[in-house]
Amino acid sequence: MGLRTLLITLNLDMIGQMSCNPSVGGIGKGHIVAEIEAMGGGMGRLADQSGLQFRMLNTRKGYAVQALRVQTDRYRYRDLARRLLESYPGLSLSKERL
């Protein structure tokens, strides 16, 4: 679309920060990750690049409940997320308190 966008955050170093359990995927979140990727997001690619362990869940059950889960290096994921956002043309990052 060619629009310029400003992303405002309290701390630029915490963009992409994951919780204490840094996993991506699984039965529930795996669908969300696929939808984010379909819309051009980077969550799945970032998880692939920062993954420490890749595991297929529920392998003894049917295909409908099997899902991939990735345990990531939360610091590498955070750094890659910030670099990805900084690479988007038209996106500016700003540290501000509103």
Protein backbone atom coordinates (compact mmCIF):
# COMPACT_ATOMS: atom_id res chain seq x y z
CA MET A 1 0.00 0.00 0.00
CA GLY A 2 2.98 2.30 0.38
CA LEU A 3 1.83 3.84 3.65
CA ARG A 4 4.13 5.03 6.40
CA THR A 5 3.51 3.62 9.88
CA LEU A 6 4.87 4.54 13.30
CA LEU A 7 5.22 1.81 15.93
CA ILE A 8 5.46 3.33 19.41
CA THR A 9 6.78 1.28 22.33
CA LEU A 10 8.07 1.93 25.83
CA ASN A 11 11.24 -0.07 25.24
CA LEU A 12 12.69 -0.82 21.80
CA ASP A 13 14.83 -3.59 23.27
CA MET A 14 11.72 -5.53 24.33
CA ILE A 15 10.07 -5.75 20.90
CA GLY A 16 9.43 -9.43 20.24
CA GLN A 17 10.04 -10.42 23.88
CA MET A 18 8.59 -13.85 24.62
CA SER A 19 7.22 -15.15 27.90
CA CYS A 20 9.11 -17.39 30.30
CA ASN A 21 7.93 -20.39 28.22
CA PRO A 22 9.16 -19.41 24.76
CA SER A 23 7.30 -21.88 22.57
CA VAL A 24 5.64 -21.30 19.22
CA GLY A 25 3.09 -23.67 17.74
CA GLY A 26 1.20 -26.49 19.33
CA ILE A 27 -2.42 -27.49 18.81
CA GLY A 28 -3.98 -24.09 19.56
CA LYS A 29 -1.30 -21.54 18.75
CA GLY A 30 -0.19 -23.40 15.63
CA HIS A 31 -3.32 -22.28 13.78
CA ILE A 32 -2.69 -18.66 14.77
CA VAL A 33 0.93 -18.89 13.58
CA ALA A 34 -0.24 -20.25 10.21
CA GLU A 35 -2.74 -17.40 9.83
CA ILE A 36 -0.11 -14.79 10.73
CA GLU A 37 2.24 -16.26 8.12
CA ALA A 38 -0.53 -16.29 5.50
CA MET A 39 -0.96 -12.53 6.03
CA GLY A 40 2.75 -11.86 5.58
CA GLY A 41 3.81 -11.95 9.23
CA GLY A 42 7.07 -13.39 10.45
CA MET A 43 6.25 -15.39 13.58
CA GLY A 44 6.78 -18.81 12.01
CA ARG A 45 9.98 -17.79 10.20
CA LEU A 46 11.37 -16.23 13.38
CA ALA A 47 10.58 -19.43 15.29
CA ASP A 48 12.37 -21.50 12.63
CA GLN A 49 15.44 -19.26 12.81
CA SER A 50 15.61 -19.18 16.62
CA GLY A 51 14.42 -22.72 17.36
CA LEU A 52 16.22 -24.91 19.86
CA GLN A 53 13.88 -27.92 19.82
CA PHE A 54 11.30 -28.94 17.23
CA ARG A 55 8.76 -31.54 18.36
CA MET A 56 5.68 -33.07 16.78
CA LEU A 57 2.96 -33.35 19.41
CA ASN A 58 0.36 -36.14 19.72
CA THR A 59 2.08 -38.54 17.31
CA ARG A 60 0.12 -41.47 18.76
CA LYS A 61 -3.18 -39.80 17.91
CA GLY A 62 -4.83 -38.92 14.62
CA TYR A 63 -3.54 -36.32 12.18
CA ALA A 64 -6.25 -33.84 13.21
CA VAL A 65 -4.67 -33.31 16.65
CA GLN A 66 -0.99 -33.48 15.67
CA ALA A 67 0.93 -30.22 15.69
CA LEU A 68 4.48 -28.93 15.56
CA ARG A 69 5.82 -27.02 18.57
CA VAL A 70 9.11 -25.12 18.60
CA GLN A 71 10.99 -24.17 21.75
CA THR A 72 12.92 -21.03 20.86
CA ASP A 73 15.86 -19.10 22.19
CA ARG A 74 13.87 -16.16 23.52
CA TYR A 75 16.78 -13.70 23.20
CA ARG A 76 17.56 -14.66 19.61
CA TYR A 77 13.84 -14.50 18.73
CA ARG A 78 13.64 -10.99 20.24
CA ASP A 79 16.69 -9.79 18.29
CA LEU A 80 15.46 -11.29 15.03
CA ALA A 81 12.00 -9.77 15.53
CA ARG A 82 13.45 -6.30 15.98
CA ARG A 83 15.67 -6.68 12.90
CA LEU A 84 12.68 -7.86 10.88
CA LEU A 85 10.60 -4.86 11.93
CA GLU A 86 13.47 -2.46 11.22
CA SER A 87 13.78 -3.90 7.70
CA TYR A 88 10.18 -3.09 6.69
CA PRO A 89 10.08 -0.07 4.39
CA GLY A 90 7.74 2.63 5.66
CA LEU A 91 7.78 1.37 9.26
CA SER A 92 9.38 3.62 11.86
CA LEU A 93 10.07 2.53 15.43
CA SER A 94 9.94 5.03 18.28
CA LYS A 95 10.48 4.81 22.02
CA GLU A 96 7.89 7.09 23.63
CA ARG A 97 5.65 7.36 26.62
CA LEU A 98 2.19 8.66 25.76
